[in-house]
Amino acid sequence: MRPLWWLILGLIAIPALGQNDSSQCSPLPDAPVVMLNPTDGAAMASASAPQQLTAAATSGQQPGGEQSSTTSTSAEHPDVDPRERQPKRILGMMPNYRAVSAGETPPPPSAKESFKLATVNSFDYSAIIFTGLTSLLAEGTNTHPDFGKGIPGFWAYSWRGFIDKTDGNYLVVFALPTVLHEDLRYYAMGNGGFKRRIFYAATSVLIARNYQGEKTFSGAEVFGRAIAQGASMLYYPDRDNTIGALFARYGYSVGRDAITATFREFWPDISTHVLHRNP
């Protein structure tokens, strides 16, 4: 009788092994099917557990019904093409926190958020590198002869350029937008004709959004840059404080913002179609 019991146990174990390791081998074609007792709740729960785990993994949920923390960012904004998203940093270096991806409509920034944006744009390592490069270029071309040449001249350009950029950021990104209730972030268009997009980006320095999401005159940009240039008269030589010199510096600061906005607008296209990488 003992061999018979071993045979019966073997017939019961074959389907169970085939069910637990179906990824490695297929069930025997002539293997007998063992019917489980439907009243055996433990067996049914054990058999359905792998299916529940598979369904949870497919739906992005944990077995207990909790949402998985690995949900992709595209699920947060399903209508936004990932190739049109604005990255937090361009080329992993240039801060791009003021850009809003095409199709997204975030709530207006709080005063605290605007202050953080102004701080990042002013003291980020890339901002310091950019100031150093522009100062080196200005010293090389002798833009302000009174500053001198060499290391003393480079230092004279650098600290003035840093103050110009910093007070302008805090006025244009934080102080005046908070007072005027303006949203000075750049809302990318993302699609459309080239001329239309470049005109939209270049004129964004004159057009902002208020806290209700409506387009309005960008008083924070226009007046903020003007106040910053007025303050620069305190640390620039008298020769550089003439009306013509002030307008030249003012035009440079506003024009730089327009060029930056245009670069932000077309960066996803450049990254996708030229560099063949995600923005």
Protein backbone atom coordinates (compact mmCIF):
# COMPACT_ATOMS: atom_id res chain seq x y z
CA MET A 1 0.00 0.00 0.00
CA ARG A 2 2.89 2.38 0.67
CA PRO A 3 3.84 2.72 -3.04
CA LEU A 4 0.20 3.57 -3.78
CA TRP A 5 0.25 6.41 -1.24
CA TRP A 6 3.46 7.75 -2.76
CA LEU A 7 1.82 7.65 -6.19
CA ILE A 8 -1.24 9.58 -4.96
CA LEU A 9 0.93 12.22 -3.28
CA GLY A 10 2.98 12.55 -6.44
CA LEU A 11 -0.13 13.10 -8.56
CA ILE A 12 -1.27 15.87 -6.17
CA ALA A 13 2.16 17.59 -6.07
CA ILE A 14 2.70 17.73 -9.85
CA PRO A 15 -0.06 20.33 -10.59
CA ALA A 16 0.98 22.41 -7.55
CA LEU A 17 4.57 22.56 -8.70
CA GLY A 18 3.49 23.44 -12.19
CA GLN A 19 1.33 26.28 -10.87
CA ASN A 20 4.08 27.77 -8.66
CA ASP A 21 6.77 27.66 -11.35
CA SER A 22 4.83 28.21 -14.54
CA SER A 23 7.46 30.66 -15.81
CA GLN A 24 10.06 27.92 -16.06
CA CYS A 25 8.15 24.96 -17.42
CA SER A 26 4.74 24.28 -18.90
CA PRO A 27 2.31 21.76 -17.29
CA LEU A 28 2.37 18.23 -18.58
CA PRO A 29 -0.27 17.72 -21.27
CA ASP A 30 -1.59 14.51 -19.72
CA ALA A 31 -1.20 15.49 -16.07
CA PRO A 32 -4.33 14.79 -14.02
CA VAL A 33 -6.26 17.79 -12.71
CA VAL A 34 -6.84 17.88 -8.98
CA MET A 35 -10.04 19.70 -7.94
CA LEU A 36 -9.67 21.88 -4.86
CA ASN A 37 -12.42 21.99 -2.32
CA PRO A 38 -14.20 25.35 -2.81
CA THR A 39 -14.86 25.54 0.92
CA ASP A 40 -11.16 25.60 1.63
CA GLY A 41 -10.77 29.38 2.04
CA ALA A 42 -7.08 29.26 2.82
CA ALA A 43 -6.28 27.41 -0.41
CA MET A 44 -8.34 29.84 -2.50
CA ALA A 45 -6.69 32.86 -0.87
CA SER A 46 -3.26 31.38 -1.45
CA ALA A 47 -4.01 30.71 -5.10
CA SER A 48 -5.37 34.22 -5.75
CA ALA A 49 -2.55 36.08 -3.96
CA PRO A 50 -0.17 36.06 -6.96
CA GLN A 51 -2.97 37.44 -9.17
CA GLN A 52 -3.66 40.25 -6.67
CA LEU A 53 0.02 41.15 -6.55
CA THR A 54 0.18 41.19 -10.35
CA ALA A 55 -2.90 43.42 -10.60
CA ALA A 56 -1.51 45.79 -7.96
CA ALA A 57 1.79 46.08 -9.79
CA THR A 58 0.01 46.77 -13.07
CA SER A 59 -2.25 49.50 -11.60
CA GLY A 60 0.60 51.20 -9.66
CA GLN A 61 -0.88 50.37 -6.25
CA GLN A 62 0.48 48.52 -3.27
CA PRO A 63 -1.32 45.29 -2.24
CA GLY A 64 -3.11 47.11 0.56
CA GLY A 65 -4.70 49.56 -1.90
CA GLU A 66 -2.22 52.41 -1.37
CA GLN A 67 -0.98 54.34 -4.37
CA SER A 68 2.60 53.53 -5.31
CA SER A 69 5.15 56.33 -4.88
CA THR A 70 6.79 55.43 -8.20
CA THR A 71 4.00 56.87 -10.31
CA SER A 72 5.46 58.58 -13.37
CA THR A 73 5.31 62.36 -13.71
CA SER A 74 3.39 62.04 -16.97
CA ALA A 75 0.43 60.71 -14.97
CA GLU A 76 0.25 64.01 -13.09
CA HIS A 77 -0.28 65.95 -16.33
CA PRO A 78 -1.48 63.40 -18.90
CA ASP A 79 -2.29 66.10 -21.47
CA VAL A 80 1.29 67.43 -21.60
CA ASP A 81 3.65 65.82 -24.09
CA PRO A 82 6.82 64.79 -22.17
CA ARG A 83 8.86 66.16 -25.09
CA GLU A 84 7.38 69.63 -24.45
CA ARG A 85 8.06 69.74 -20.72
CA GLN A 86 10.18 72.49 -19.25
CA PRO A 87 12.98 70.96 -17.15
CA LYS A 88 14.01 72.33 -13.77
CA ARG A 89 17.49 72.88 -15.16
CA ILE A 90 18.55 73.29 -18.77
CA LEU A 91 21.52 71.07 -19.65
CA GLY A 92 21.58 70.17 -15.98
CA MET A 93 23.05 73.57 -15.12
CA MET A 94 20.92 76.63 -15.96
CA PRO A 95 18.05 77.14 -13.45
CA ASN A 96 14.69 77.01 -15.19
CA TYR A 97 12.33 77.07 -12.22
CA ARG A 98 10.44 80.10 -13.55
CA ALA A 99 9.26 78.22 -16.65
CA VAL A 100 5.85 76.51 -16.85
CA SER A 101 5.36 73.69 -19.35
CA ALA A 102 2.89 74.18 -22.19
CA GLY A 103 -0.61 73.13 -21.19
CA GLU A 104 -0.04 73.43 -17.45
CA THR A 105 -1.80 76.02 -15.27
CA PRO A 106 -0.31 76.00 -11.76
CA PRO A 107 -1.66 78.20 -8.98
CA PRO A 108 -0.05 81.64 -8.57
CA PRO A 109 3.20 81.58 -6.57
CA SER A 110 3.09 82.69 -2.97
CA ALA A 111 5.40 85.38 -1.63
CA LYS A 112 7.59 82.68 -0.10
CA GLU A 113 7.85 80.81 -3.40
CA SER A 114 8.71 84.00 -5.28
CA PHE A 115 11.41 84.80 -2.73
CA LYS A 116 12.92 81.34 -3.21
CA LEU A 117 12.89 81.78 -7.00
CA ALA A 118 14.69 85.10 -6.74
CA THR A 119 17.25 83.59 -4.37
CA VAL A 120 17.97 80.61 -6.63
CA ASN A 121 18.31 82.83 -9.70
CA SER A 122 20.74 85.08 -7.82
CA PHE A 123 22.96 82.73 -5.83
CA ASP A 124 22.93 79.52 -7.85
CA TYR A 125 26.42 78.45 -8.94
CA SER A 126 25.45 78.85 -12.60
CA ALA A 127 24.43 82.48 -11.96
CA ILE A 128 27.88 83.18 -10.49
CA ILE A 129 29.57 81.52 -13.46
CA PHE A 130 27.44 83.55 -15.88
CA THR A 131 28.32 86.79 -14.08
CA GLY A 132 31.99 85.88 -14.25
CA LEU A 133 31.83 85.19 -17.99
CA THR A 134 29.98 88.42 -18.80
CA SER A 135 32.38 90.38 -16.58
CA LEU A 136 35.34 88.81 -18.36
CA LEU A 137 33.85 89.75 -21.72
CA ALA A 138 33.12 93.31 -20.59
CA GLU A 139 36.67 93.70 -19.21
CA GLY A 140 38.14 92.36 -22.43
CA THR A 141 36.16 94.80 -24.59
CA ASN A 142 36.79 97.69 -22.16
CA THR A 143 33.07 98.44 -21.83
CA HIS A 144 33.66 100.78 -18.87
CA PRO A 145 37.15 102.32 -19.18
CA ASP A 146 37.03 103.73 -15.65
CA PHE A 147 37.00 100.18 -14.23
CA GLY A 148 40.49 99.48 -15.55
CA LYS A 149 41.99 96.29 -16.93
CA GLY A 150 43.41 93.06 -15.59
CA ILE A 151 42.39 91.54 -12.26
CA PRO A 152 41.32 94.89 -10.67
CA GLY A 153 39.17 95.64 -13.71
CA PHE A 154 37.65 92.15 -13.70
CA TRP A 155 36.76 92.54 -10.02
CA ALA A 156 35.19 95.96 -10.65
CA TYR A 157 32.97 94.45 -13.35
CA SER A 158 32.16 91.32 -11.33
CA TRP A 159 30.82 92.81 -8.12
CA ARG A 160 28.80 95.44 -9.96
CA GLY A 161 27.39 92.80 -12.31
CA PHE A 162 26.46 90.60 -9.35
CA ILE A 163 24.61 93.44 -7.62
CA ASP A 164 22.86 94.38 -10.86
CA LYS A 165 21.61 90.83 -11.29
CA THR A 166 20.70 90.26 -7.64
CA ASP A 167 18.69 93.40 -6.91
CA GLY A 168 17.00 93.06 -10.30
CA ASN A 169 15.95 89.49 -9.47
CA TYR A 170 14.50 90.38 -6.08
CA LEU A 171 12.60 93.33 -7.56
CA VAL A 172 11.30 91.57 -10.69
CA VAL A 173 10.73 88.07 -9.34
CA PHE A 174 9.73 88.69 -5.72
CA ALA A 175 8.97 92.22 -4.49
CA LEU A 176 6.95 93.86 -7.26
CA PRO A 177 5.05 90.71 -8.35
CA THR A 178 3.95 90.22 -4.74
CA VAL A 179 2.77 93.83 -4.46
CA LEU A 180 1.14 93.95 -7.92
CA HIS A 181 -0.22 90.39 -7.76
CA GLU A 182 1.53 89.40 -10.97
CA ASP A 183 2.83 86.00 -11.99
CA LEU A 184 6.19 86.58 -13.68
CA ARG A 185 6.82 82.94 -14.57
CA TYR A 186 7.22 82.09 -18.23
CA TYR A 187 4.27 80.08 -19.61
CA ALA A 188 5.62 78.22 -22.62
CA MET A 189 3.48 78.00 -25.76
CA GLY A 190 5.07 74.73 -26.82
CA ASN A 191 3.54 74.47 -30.29
CA GLY A 192 2.52 76.59 -33.26
CA GLY A 193 4.44 78.45 -35.95
CA PHE A 194 8.01 79.57 -35.39
CA LYS A 195 7.28 83.29 -35.86
CA ARG A 196 4.29 83.14 -33.56
CA ARG A 197 6.25 81.41 -30.81
CA ILE A 198 9.28 83.68 -31.02
CA PHE A 199 7.05 86.78 -30.93
CA TYR A 200 5.17 85.34 -27.95
CA ALA A 201 8.40 84.63 -26.09
CA ALA A 202 10.06 87.96 -26.86
CA THR A 203 7.01 90.01 -25.79
CA SER A 204 6.55 88.01 -22.57
CA VAL A 205 8.65 90.67 -20.81
CA LEU A 206 5.78 93.10 -21.41
CA ILE A 207 2.89 90.72 -20.74
CA ALA A 208 2.37 88.87 -17.47
CA ARG A 209 -0.50 87.05 -15.77
CA ASN A 210 -2.27 88.27 -12.69
CA TYR A 211 -3.29 86.02 -9.82
CA GLN A 212 -6.60 85.34 -11.59
CA GLY A 213 -4.77 83.91 -14.60
CA GLU A 214 -5.61 86.86 -16.88
CA LYS A 215 -3.02 88.56 -19.08
CA THR A 216 -1.90 92.00 -17.90
CA PHE A 217 0.85 94.54 -18.42
CA SER A 218 4.08 93.34 -16.79
CA GLY A 219 4.64 96.22 -14.42
CA ALA A 220 6.99 94.12 -12.29
CA GLU A 221 9.37 93.58 -15.23
CA VAL A 222 9.20 97.07 -16.72
CA PHE A 223 9.37 99.05 -13.48
CA GLY A 224 11.51 96.54 -11.58
CA ARG A 225 14.33 96.77 -14.09
CA ALA A 226 14.02 100.56 -14.12
CA ILE A 227 14.30 100.76 -10.32
CA ALA A 228 17.32 98.44 -10.40
CA GLN A 229 19.08 100.70 -12.92
CA GLY A 230 18.25 103.74 -10.81
CA ALA A 231 19.87 102.03 -7.82
CA SER A 232 22.96 101.25 -9.90
CA MET A 233 23.75 104.97 -10.03
CA LEU A 234 25.01 104.59 -6.45
CA TYR A 235 27.94 102.37 -7.44
CA TYR A 236 28.69 103.28 -11.08
CA PRO A 237 31.02 106.17 -11.98
CA ASP A 238 29.45 109.46 -13.03
CA ARG A 239 30.45 108.86 -16.63
CA ASP A 240 28.24 105.76 -16.64
CA ASN A 241 25.25 107.50 -15.06
CA THR A 242 24.21 109.63 -18.02
CA ILE A 243 20.72 109.24 -19.48
CA GLY A 244 22.13 107.38 -22.47
CA ALA A 245 24.15 104.99 -20.31
CA LEU A 246 21.18 104.26 -18.05
CA PHE A 247 18.91 103.51 -21.01
CA ALA A 248 21.60 101.27 -22.48
CA ARG A 249 21.85 99.23 -19.26
CA TYR A 250 18.08 99.15 -18.93
CA GLY A 251 17.65 97.93 -22.50
CA TYR A 252 20.31 95.28 -21.94
CA SER A 253 18.57 93.92 -18.82
CA VAL A 254 15.11 93.74 -20.44
CA GLY A 255 16.56 92.35 -23.68
CA ARG A 256 18.41 89.67 -21.73
CA ASP A 257 15.12 88.59 -20.15
CA ALA A 258 13.47 88.43 -23.59
CA ILE A 259 16.31 86.29 -24.98
CA THR A 260 16.14 84.01 -21.94
CA ALA A 261 12.38 83.55 -22.41
CA THR A 262 12.90 82.71 -26.10
CA PHE A 263 15.55 80.14 -25.20
CA ARG A 264 13.18 78.59 -22.67
CA GLU A 265 10.42 78.39 -25.27
CA PHE A 266 12.50 76.49 -27.81
CA TRP A 267 14.68 74.44 -25.48
CA PRO A 268 12.39 71.34 -25.52
CA ASP A 269 12.50 71.41 -29.35
CA ILE A 270 16.28 71.79 -29.38
CA SER A 271 16.72 69.00 -26.84
CA THR A 272 14.35 66.61 -28.63
CA HIS A 273 15.09 67.21 -32.32
CA VAL A 274 18.73 68.38 -32.25
CA LEU A 275 20.28 66.69 -29.21
CA HIS A 276 17.90 63.68 -29.36
CA ARG A 277 17.35 63.59 -25.65
CA ASN A 278 14.55 64.40 -23.22
CA PRO A 279 14.40 68.03 -22.08
